[in-house]
Amino acid sequence: MKKPFLLLCIITIAIGITPYAMADLIDFETGFSDLDPVGTVTTSTNEVEFFVGASPLTLGTGFIARVGGPLRTSFVPNDLPAVVAVAGEYFLTDEINGPFAALNYYMVFVDLPINALSLDLFDYRVDGGPAAGDGATLTVYENSNFSGSSASDTFIIPTPNPVDGNIENLSVSSFGFAARSATLTFDGPDVGTGIDNIAFTSVPEPTSLLLVGIGMLGLAGYGRRKFKKKL
C-alpha cells in the first residue's frame, strides 16, 4: 500500500508541474512548407493561434515563407547570412502574395496563459514604409481578446537605417500577470516583414496548482507517518 500511495503522489505532482516545466519554442521548421497558411500551432504545453491584420477587428491568416524563396511569399532574406542562420528554412509572414500590404501580427494562447514571450522580427526598416523613429512593439495582454493588463517591448528604427534583412529580438517577461494574447504592431506599417523563433513559458492554471498541492500534502503525510514509526 505504501509504494502505490507514494507513486500516486509523485504522479500527481508531475501532472501538475507539466505546464511550466520548460519553455516552448515555435520556429516553423517542422511540419510546415512554403505558402502554408498558419492557424493553430500545437506545442508540448500549449496551443497558439496566429493571425495577421490591420487591427483585431480585421484578422486574417498568416503564411509560411521559405528562406531564399520566391518574392511572392515575402522579402527574400538571403542578402544577410545572419538572417538565414536565425530564420532556418521557414518563417511566418503577413501575406501570401506580397509584399503589398503591411499587417500586424496577433497571437492567442489557448490552453494556458504565459508569463514570458519573445520573438525575432525580420526586415523592419525605413524602405518598407516606416521612417527612422518609428517602432515595432511586442505587447502581451491579460485577456484573449487583446485587452486588460499589458506589458510591452519596442524596437525603434534608428538613424542610420538598419541593414537590409535586419533581425530584431523583442522580449517581454516578469510582467506580474498571466497573459492570454499578444500583438506585434508597427508605428509605420512595413510591407514584407517576418517573425520567427517565438519563445514563451506557459503557467499553470489553478487546477494544476491544486494537483501539486495535493501531491505535496500526500508526500508530507507519508513522510510524517514514516518518521513516527521510527520513533
Protein backbone atom coordinates (compact mmCIF):
# COMPACT_ATOMS: atom_id res chain seq x y z
CA MET A 1 0.00 0.00 0.00
CA LYS A 2 2.86 2.38 0.81
CA LYS A 3 4.56 2.18 -2.58
CA PRO A 4 1.38 2.69 -4.65
CA PHE A 5 0.46 5.69 -2.46
CA LEU A 6 3.94 7.19 -2.86
CA LEU A 7 3.84 6.61 -6.61
CA LEU A 8 0.40 8.24 -6.84
CA CYS A 9 1.70 11.35 -5.04
CA ILE A 10 4.66 11.63 -7.40
CA ILE A 11 2.46 11.20 -10.49
CA THR A 12 0.03 13.84 -9.21
CA ILE A 13 2.86 16.35 -8.73
CA ALA A 14 4.33 15.53 -12.15
CA ILE A 15 0.98 16.14 -13.88
CA GLY A 16 0.58 19.42 -12.03
CA ILE A 17 4.02 20.82 -12.88
CA THR A 18 3.99 19.74 -16.55
CA PRO A 19 2.61 23.06 -17.92
CA TYR A 20 5.55 25.08 -16.62
CA ALA A 21 8.33 22.51 -16.58
CA MET A 22 10.01 24.07 -19.62
CA ALA A 23 9.71 26.93 -22.08
CA ASP A 24 8.31 26.33 -25.56
CA LEU A 25 9.62 27.44 -28.95
CA ILE A 26 7.80 27.79 -32.27
CA ASP A 27 10.28 28.11 -35.14
CA PHE A 28 8.07 26.86 -38.02
CA GLU A 29 10.71 24.35 -39.09
CA THR A 30 8.79 21.10 -38.51
CA GLY A 31 5.55 20.30 -40.30
CA PHE A 32 5.48 23.42 -42.49
CA SER A 33 6.05 24.12 -46.17
CA ASP A 34 6.31 27.27 -48.28
CA LEU A 35 2.97 29.11 -48.63
CA ASP A 36 1.23 27.06 -45.91
CA PRO A 37 -1.47 29.05 -44.06
CA VAL A 38 -0.81 29.18 -40.31
CA GLY A 39 -3.72 28.93 -37.90
CA THR A 40 -3.25 26.97 -34.66
CA VAL A 41 0.17 25.61 -33.74
CA THR A 42 0.30 22.92 -31.03
CA THR A 43 3.35 22.69 -28.77
CA SER A 44 4.22 20.44 -25.84
CA THR A 45 2.47 22.75 -23.36
CA ASN A 46 0.04 24.92 -25.29
CA GLU A 47 -1.91 25.77 -28.43
CA VAL A 48 -1.18 29.10 -30.08
CA GLU A 49 -3.47 30.76 -32.62
CA PHE A 50 -1.81 33.09 -35.15
CA PHE A 51 -3.50 35.92 -37.06
CA VAL A 52 -2.48 38.95 -39.13
CA GLY A 53 -4.42 42.13 -39.78
CA ALA A 54 -4.58 45.89 -39.60
CA SER A 55 -6.42 45.63 -36.25
CA PRO A 56 -8.08 42.99 -34.04
CA LEU A 57 -11.30 43.67 -35.98
CA THR A 58 -9.78 42.63 -39.33
CA LEU A 59 -7.91 39.45 -38.53
CA GLY A 60 -6.80 37.14 -41.33
CA THR A 61 -4.35 34.33 -41.95
CA GLY A 62 -0.56 34.46 -41.93
CA PHE A 63 1.55 32.28 -44.21
CA ILE A 64 4.83 30.43 -44.20
CA ALA A 65 7.64 31.89 -46.28
CA ARG A 66 10.70 29.91 -47.30
CA VAL A 67 14.12 31.49 -46.82
CA GLY A 68 15.52 32.40 -50.23
CA GLY A 69 12.16 31.57 -51.78
CA PRO A 70 10.26 33.47 -54.46
CA LEU A 71 9.35 37.09 -53.80
CA ARG A 72 5.64 36.28 -53.74
CA THR A 73 5.94 34.84 -50.23
CA SER A 74 7.65 37.85 -48.64
CA PHE A 75 11.03 39.51 -48.70
CA VAL A 76 13.93 37.20 -49.56
CA PRO A 77 16.31 37.14 -46.57
CA ASN A 78 19.38 35.95 -48.45
CA ASP A 79 21.24 39.25 -48.56
CA LEU A 80 22.37 38.86 -44.95
CA PRO A 81 23.71 35.45 -43.88
CA ALA A 82 22.86 36.19 -40.23
CA VAL A 83 19.14 36.27 -41.10
CA VAL A 84 19.36 32.89 -42.79
CA ALA A 85 21.10 31.47 -39.72
CA VAL A 86 18.41 32.79 -37.37
CA ALA A 87 15.37 32.03 -39.55
CA GLY A 88 16.28 28.48 -40.52
CA GLU A 89 14.33 27.37 -43.61
CA TYR A 90 10.91 28.85 -42.81
CA PHE A 91 9.37 31.82 -41.01
CA LEU A 92 5.93 33.42 -40.67
CA THR A 93 4.96 36.36 -42.85
CA ASP A 94 1.86 38.51 -43.09
CA GLU A 95 0.73 37.87 -46.67
CA ILE A 96 0.98 35.24 -49.38
CA ASN A 97 1.34 37.43 -52.48
CA GLY A 98 3.32 40.34 -51.15
CA PRO A 99 4.87 42.39 -50.17
CA PHE A 100 1.94 44.73 -50.90
CA ALA A 101 0.17 45.22 -47.56
CA ALA A 102 1.59 45.97 -44.13
CA LEU A 103 -0.13 43.98 -41.40
CA ASN A 104 0.31 43.43 -37.67
CA TYR A 105 0.74 40.02 -36.03
CA TYR A 106 -1.61 38.59 -33.38
CA MET A 107 -1.28 35.55 -31.09
CA VAL A 108 -3.72 33.89 -28.69
CA PHE A 109 -2.57 31.30 -26.13
CA VAL A 110 -5.46 28.87 -25.98
CA ASP A 111 -4.69 26.18 -23.39
CA LEU A 112 -2.64 28.06 -20.81
CA PRO A 113 -1.63 31.66 -20.12
CA ILE A 114 2.03 32.68 -20.35
CA ASN A 115 4.42 34.71 -18.23
CA ALA A 116 7.19 35.32 -20.79
CA LEU A 117 7.32 35.86 -24.56
CA SER A 118 10.00 36.71 -27.11
CA LEU A 119 10.34 36.61 -30.89
CA ASP A 120 12.63 37.62 -33.75
CA LEU A 121 11.42 40.27 -36.18
CA PHE A 122 12.94 40.39 -39.67
CA ASP A 123 13.36 43.36 -42.03
CA TYR A 124 11.69 46.25 -40.20
CA ARG A 125 13.39 49.28 -41.76
CA VAL A 126 12.59 52.55 -43.46
CA ASP A 127 12.46 51.36 -47.07
CA GLY A 128 9.39 49.24 -46.29
CA GLY A 129 7.17 52.15 -45.30
CA PRO A 130 8.14 53.43 -41.83
CA ALA A 131 10.66 56.16 -41.02
CA ALA A 132 13.53 56.42 -38.60
CA GLY A 133 11.99 56.82 -35.15
CA ASP A 134 9.04 54.54 -35.84
CA GLY A 135 8.71 51.49 -33.62
CA ALA A 136 7.68 47.85 -33.69
CA THR A 137 6.08 46.87 -30.37
CA LEU A 138 5.52 43.43 -28.88
CA THR A 139 2.68 43.61 -26.33
CA VAL A 140 1.19 40.90 -24.12
CA TYR A 141 -2.37 41.17 -22.75
CA GLU A 142 -4.18 39.63 -19.82
CA ASN A 143 -7.23 38.64 -21.88
CA SER A 144 -7.55 36.58 -25.05
CA ASN A 145 -9.25 39.49 -26.89
CA PHE A 146 -6.15 41.72 -26.64
CA SER A 147 -7.39 43.67 -23.64
CA GLY A 148 -6.74 44.02 -19.92
CA SER A 149 -3.38 44.46 -18.23
CA SER A 150 -0.49 44.76 -20.66
CA ALA A 151 3.30 44.91 -20.92
CA SER A 152 5.48 45.62 -23.94
CA ASP A 153 8.90 45.92 -25.56
CA THR A 154 9.62 48.22 -28.51
CA PHE A 155 12.31 48.38 -31.20
CA ILE A 156 12.82 51.89 -32.61
CA ILE A 157 14.26 52.24 -36.11
CA PRO A 158 17.50 54.18 -35.63
CA THR A 159 19.39 56.59 -37.82
CA PRO A 160 21.17 55.41 -39.90
CA ASN A 161 18.73 52.82 -41.22
CA PRO A 162 19.50 49.20 -40.18
CA VAL A 163 20.95 46.87 -42.78
CA ASP A 164 18.53 45.17 -45.17
CA GLY A 165 17.13 41.99 -43.64
CA ASN A 166 17.90 43.14 -40.10
CA ILE A 167 17.00 40.93 -37.11
CA GLU A 168 15.46 42.48 -34.00
CA ASN A 169 14.63 40.46 -30.88
CA LEU A 170 11.67 41.64 -28.78
CA SER A 171 11.11 40.17 -25.34
CA VAL A 172 8.58 40.67 -22.52
CA SER A 173 8.83 38.86 -19.18
CA SER A 174 8.21 39.25 -15.44
CA PHE A 175 5.10 41.33 -16.08
CA GLY A 176 3.16 40.32 -12.97
CA PHE A 177 0.10 38.77 -14.61
CA ALA A 178 -0.74 35.74 -16.74
CA ALA A 179 -1.13 36.75 -20.40
CA ARG A 180 -3.55 35.16 -22.85
CA SER A 181 -2.76 37.09 -26.03
CA ALA A 182 -0.07 39.16 -27.71
CA THR A 183 0.38 41.55 -30.62
CA LEU A 184 3.28 42.78 -32.73
CA THR A 185 2.25 46.17 -34.08
CA PHE A 186 4.06 48.77 -36.18
CA ASP A 187 4.04 52.57 -35.87
CA GLY A 188 4.93 52.88 -39.54
CA PRO A 189 3.48 49.88 -41.40
CA ASP A 190 6.21 47.88 -43.13
CA VAL A 191 5.50 45.56 -46.05
CA GLY A 192 7.35 42.27 -46.16
CA THR A 193 8.19 41.66 -42.51
CA GLY A 194 8.59 38.23 -40.96
CA ILE A 195 8.62 36.73 -37.46
CA ASP A 196 10.21 33.56 -36.11
CA ASN A 197 11.58 31.80 -33.02
CA ILE A 198 8.56 32.56 -30.85
CA ALA A 199 9.58 31.50 -27.33
CA PHE A 200 7.17 31.51 -24.39
CA THR A 201 6.68 29.99 -20.95
CA SER A 202 3.23 28.68 -20.02
CA VAL A 203 2.00 28.98 -16.45
CA PRO A 204 -0.27 26.51 -14.63
CA GLU A 205 -3.97 27.01 -14.16
CA PRO A 206 -5.35 26.78 -10.57
CA THR A 207 -6.23 23.11 -11.15
CA SER A 208 -2.57 22.37 -11.89
CA LEU A 209 -1.51 24.12 -8.69
CA LEU A 210 -4.15 22.12 -6.81
CA LEU A 211 -2.68 18.86 -8.13
CA VAL A 212 0.78 19.92 -6.99
CA GLY A 213 -0.61 20.84 -3.58
CA ILE A 214 -2.41 17.52 -3.17
CA GLY A 215 0.69 15.61 -4.18
CA MET A 216 2.90 17.57 -1.79
CA LEU A 217 0.47 17.07 1.10
CA GLY A 218 0.42 13.35 0.36
CA LEU A 219 4.20 13.17 0.41
CA ALA A 220 4.33 15.21 3.61
CA GLY A 221 1.82 12.88 5.27
CA TYR A 222 3.73 9.83 4.08
CA GLY A 223 7.00 11.21 5.45
CA ARG A 224 5.39 12.09 8.79
CA ARG A 225 3.99 8.59 9.26
CA LYS A 226 7.34 7.08 8.39
CA PHE A 227 9.12 9.38 10.87
CA LYS A 228 6.66 8.48 13.67
CA LYS A 229 7.22 4.77 13.10
CA LYS A 230 10.97 5.24 13.52
CA LEU A 231 10.35 6.92 16.86
